[in-house]
């Protein structure tokens, strides 16, 4: 039995058609709800794009932190987006209550080191699920205090504690990361874990 409160990161093998999900999300990127945002990686200016696939009128600010402060029972799918397969695949995942679902697009750029919450023990707001329908031939690095080094998770799906600093090296092409938070039945993922790193 895995103690999920001790997970830094875990790669998952899930039965999802990632190519189909990618096709839907590439089209969805053209939505007026898709917001560009800019940051610097050393001297390079990077522009990525953010699209919340679910809406919540109680979200106090446009960010993961803001989304996690919203009323969990108030989330609903954005009906303006034509993403039927993405919705059906996500709704089959073991969420007791699904909250925010946000797609972030990284075209030939890195995702710089950051955290998205402050309390490592607050699993609902930290140990989220990431689906990466197109990986951009890169991976996610999450810091391990125990190893004093990063652990790297490759592939299309992972759980990781995002109160721990993490970053993604430069993508080769487009990387799409879909982050999901809410009340998760973590034990249902135990048989899907292919790469586990504990605190």
Protein backbone atom coordinates (compact mmCIF):
# COMPACT_ATOMS: atom_id res chain seq x y z
CA UNK A 1 0.00 0.00 0.00
CA UNK A 2 1.45 3.35 -1.07
CA UNK A 3 1.30 6.34 1.25
CA UNK A 4 0.21 8.94 -1.29
CA UNK A 5 0.95 11.78 1.13
CA UNK A 6 4.65 10.91 0.65
CA UNK A 7 4.69 11.02 -3.14
CA UNK A 8 6.93 13.53 -4.88
CA UNK A 9 6.00 12.20 -8.31
CA UNK A 10 4.70 9.05 -9.94
CA UNK A 11 4.52 8.22 -13.64
CA UNK A 12 1.30 6.51 -14.70
CA UNK A 13 0.25 4.19 -17.51
CA UNK A 14 -3.37 5.10 -18.30
CA UNK A 15 -5.70 3.82 -21.01
CA UNK A 16 -6.19 7.11 -22.86
CA UNK A 17 -5.99 7.91 -26.57
CA UNK A 18 -3.54 10.80 -26.27
CA UNK A 19 -3.43 11.48 -30.01
CA UNK A 20 -7.18 12.00 -30.06
CA UNK A 21 -7.00 14.25 -27.02
CA UNK A 22 -4.19 16.23 -28.68
CA UNK A 23 -6.27 16.82 -31.81
CA UNK A 24 -9.14 18.24 -29.73
CA UNK A 25 -6.91 20.44 -27.59
CA UNK A 26 -4.97 21.87 -30.55
CA UNK A 27 -8.29 23.05 -32.01
CA UNK A 28 -9.43 24.30 -28.59
CA UNK A 29 -6.35 26.50 -28.40
CA UNK A 30 -8.04 28.79 -30.93
CA UNK A 31 -10.75 29.60 -28.34
CA UNK A 32 -11.08 33.20 -27.17
CA UNK A 33 -10.80 31.76 -23.65
CA UNK A 34 -7.20 30.67 -24.33
CA UNK A 35 -4.93 33.24 -22.69
CA UNK A 36 -1.27 33.84 -23.64
CA UNK A 37 1.20 34.52 -20.86
CA UNK A 38 4.86 35.47 -21.02
CA UNK A 39 7.84 34.68 -18.80
CA UNK A 40 11.61 34.73 -19.13
CA UNK A 41 13.95 31.75 -19.17
CA UNK A 42 17.40 33.28 -18.79
CA UNK A 43 17.36 35.85 -21.62
CA UNK A 44 14.71 34.12 -23.70
CA UNK A 45 11.15 35.43 -23.66
CA UNK A 46 8.71 32.52 -23.62
CA UNK A 47 5.03 32.73 -24.53
CA UNK A 48 2.80 29.88 -23.48
CA UNK A 49 -0.99 29.61 -23.48
CA UNK A 50 -3.51 28.75 -20.78
CA UNK A 51 -7.01 27.37 -21.24
CA UNK A 52 -9.30 26.35 -18.38
CA UNK A 53 -11.46 23.51 -19.70
CA UNK A 54 -13.80 23.94 -16.72
CA UNK A 55 -15.25 27.21 -15.43
CA UNK A 56 -15.94 28.42 -11.91
CA UNK A 57 -17.51 31.77 -11.04
CA UNK A 58 -15.91 31.70 -7.56
CA UNK A 59 -12.29 31.61 -8.80
CA UNK A 60 -10.66 34.71 -7.23
CA UNK A 61 -7.74 34.97 -9.66
CA UNK A 62 -6.60 33.44 -12.95
CA UNK A 63 -3.98 30.91 -11.82
CA UNK A 64 -3.66 27.43 -10.33
CA UNK A 65 -3.60 29.02 -6.89
CA UNK A 66 -6.76 30.95 -7.68
CA UNK A 67 -8.46 27.86 -9.08
CA UNK A 68 -7.64 25.88 -5.94
CA UNK A 69 -9.27 28.59 -3.79
CA UNK A 70 -12.53 28.33 -5.74
CA UNK A 71 -15.58 26.44 -4.46
CA UNK A 72 -14.94 22.84 -5.54
CA UNK A 73 -18.62 22.12 -6.15
CA UNK A 74 -18.92 25.06 -8.56
CA UNK A 75 -16.79 23.71 -11.43
CA UNK A 76 -18.44 22.87 -14.75
CA UNK A 77 -17.16 22.09 -18.24
CA UNK A 78 -16.82 25.06 -20.60
CA UNK A 79 -19.59 24.31 -23.10
CA UNK A 80 -17.99 26.59 -25.71
CA UNK A 81 -15.17 24.06 -26.20
CA UNK A 82 -15.64 21.10 -28.56
CA UNK A 83 -13.66 18.50 -26.60
CA UNK A 84 -15.98 15.46 -26.22
CA UNK A 85 -13.26 12.80 -26.08
CA UNK A 86 -11.19 14.79 -23.59
CA UNK A 87 -14.22 15.17 -21.31
CA UNK A 88 -15.18 11.49 -21.55
CA UNK A 89 -11.61 10.33 -20.83
CA UNK A 90 -11.30 12.61 -17.80
CA UNK A 91 -14.72 11.69 -16.42
CA UNK A 92 -13.66 8.02 -16.30
CA UNK A 93 -10.76 8.86 -13.97
CA UNK A 94 -11.12 8.15 -10.23
CA UNK A 95 -12.17 11.56 -8.98
CA UNK A 96 -14.60 11.69 -6.09
CA UNK A 97 -15.12 15.34 -7.02
CA UNK A 98 -13.48 16.87 -10.08
CA UNK A 99 -12.35 20.47 -9.77
CA UNK A 100 -10.20 22.52 -12.09
CA UNK A 101 -8.96 21.18 -15.42
CA UNK A 102 -6.46 23.49 -17.11
CA UNK A 103 -4.56 22.94 -20.36
CA UNK A 104 -1.24 24.76 -20.77
CA UNK A 105 0.49 24.87 -24.16
CA UNK A 106 4.31 25.12 -24.43
CA UNK A 107 5.39 25.62 -28.09
CA UNK A 108 9.15 24.95 -28.37
CA UNK A 109 9.75 26.51 -24.94
CA UNK A 110 10.56 25.34 -21.41
CA UNK A 111 8.36 25.68 -18.35
CA UNK A 112 10.47 27.52 -15.77
CA UNK A 113 10.89 26.34 -12.20
CA UNK A 114 7.98 27.21 -9.91
CA UNK A 115 5.52 25.91 -7.34
CA UNK A 116 1.72 26.16 -7.41
CA UNK A 117 0.85 25.81 -3.72
CA UNK A 118 2.62 26.16 -0.37
CA UNK A 119 1.44 23.29 1.84
CA UNK A 120 2.88 19.90 0.80
CA UNK A 121 0.45 18.03 3.08
CA UNK A 122 -2.69 19.55 1.51
CA UNK A 123 -3.15 16.73 -1.02
CA UNK A 124 -6.33 18.04 -2.63
CA UNK A 125 -4.43 21.15 -3.74
CA UNK A 126 -1.00 19.65 -4.35
CA UNK A 127 -1.04 16.02 -5.49
CA UNK A 128 -2.77 16.62 -8.79
CA UNK A 129 -2.97 14.55 -11.93
CA UNK A 130 -1.20 15.65 -15.11
CA UNK A 131 -2.15 14.36 -18.54
CA UNK A 132 0.38 15.23 -21.23
CA UNK A 133 -1.29 14.31 -24.52
CA UNK A 134 1.70 15.53 -26.51
CA UNK A 135 5.00 15.50 -24.63
CA UNK A 136 7.16 17.74 -26.84
CA UNK A 137 9.85 15.08 -26.42
CA UNK A 138 10.63 16.37 -22.93
CA UNK A 139 9.77 15.58 -19.30
CA UNK A 140 9.03 17.07 -15.89
CA UNK A 141 11.74 17.53 -13.24
CA UNK A 142 10.61 17.61 -9.59
CA UNK A 143 13.02 18.40 -6.74
CA UNK A 144 13.79 15.66 -4.21
CA UNK A 145 15.15 16.93 -0.89
CA UNK A 146 16.07 13.37 0.04
CA UNK A 147 18.25 12.94 -3.07
CA UNK A 148 19.28 16.62 -3.25
CA UNK A 149 18.57 16.34 -6.96
CA UNK A 150 15.71 16.33 -9.43
CA UNK A 151 13.68 13.25 -10.28
CA UNK A 152 12.45 13.13 -13.88
CA UNK A 153 9.07 11.83 -14.98
CA UNK A 154 8.64 10.99 -18.65
CA UNK A 155 5.51 9.96 -20.48
CA UNK A 156 1.90 11.00 -20.83
CA UNK A 157 0.55 10.91 -17.27
CA UNK A 158 1.77 11.55 -13.74
CA UNK A 159 0.82 12.45 -10.23
CA UNK A 160 3.10 14.99 -8.61
CA UNK A 161 3.11 17.29 -5.62
CA UNK A 162 3.17 20.77 -7.09
CA UNK A 163 4.05 22.50 -3.83
CA UNK A 164 7.54 21.11 -4.60
CA UNK A 165 9.59 23.07 -7.10
CA UNK A 166 9.43 21.67 -10.60
CA UNK A 167 10.21 22.60 -14.20
CA UNK A 168 10.12 21.20 -17.72
CA UNK A 169 13.09 21.48 -20.11
CA UNK A 170 12.51 23.04 -23.52
CA UNK A 171 9.95 21.24 -25.66
CA UNK A 172 10.78 20.05 -29.14
CA UNK A 173 7.57 21.13 -30.81
CA UNK A 174 4.38 21.49 -28.80
CA UNK A 175 3.92 20.15 -25.28
CA UNK A 176 0.41 20.23 -23.83
CA UNK A 177 -0.03 19.64 -20.12
CA UNK A 178 -3.52 19.19 -18.67
CA UNK A 179 -3.56 19.57 -14.88
CA UNK A 180 -6.50 18.19 -12.88
CA UNK A 181 -7.29 18.82 -9.23
CA UNK A 182 -10.11 17.93 -6.87
CA UNK A 183 -10.87 15.03 -4.57
CA UNK A 184 -9.03 12.04 -6.05
CA UNK A 185 -9.33 8.39 -5.06
CA UNK A 186 -5.54 7.99 -5.21
CA UNK A 187 -5.59 4.28 -4.35
CA UNK A 188 -7.26 3.57 -7.71
CA UNK A 189 -4.04 4.72 -9.41
CA UNK A 190 -1.78 2.31 -7.53
CA UNK A 191 -1.81 -0.40 -10.22
CA UNK A 192 -1.10 2.20 -12.92
CA UNK A 193 2.11 3.51 -11.37
CA UNK A 194 5.23 2.81 -13.44
CA UNK A 195 7.75 5.18 -11.84
CA UNK A 196 7.47 6.14 -8.16
CA UNK A 197 9.45 8.69 -6.14
CA UNK A 198 8.77 9.27 -2.44
CA UNK A 199 9.80 12.02 -0.05
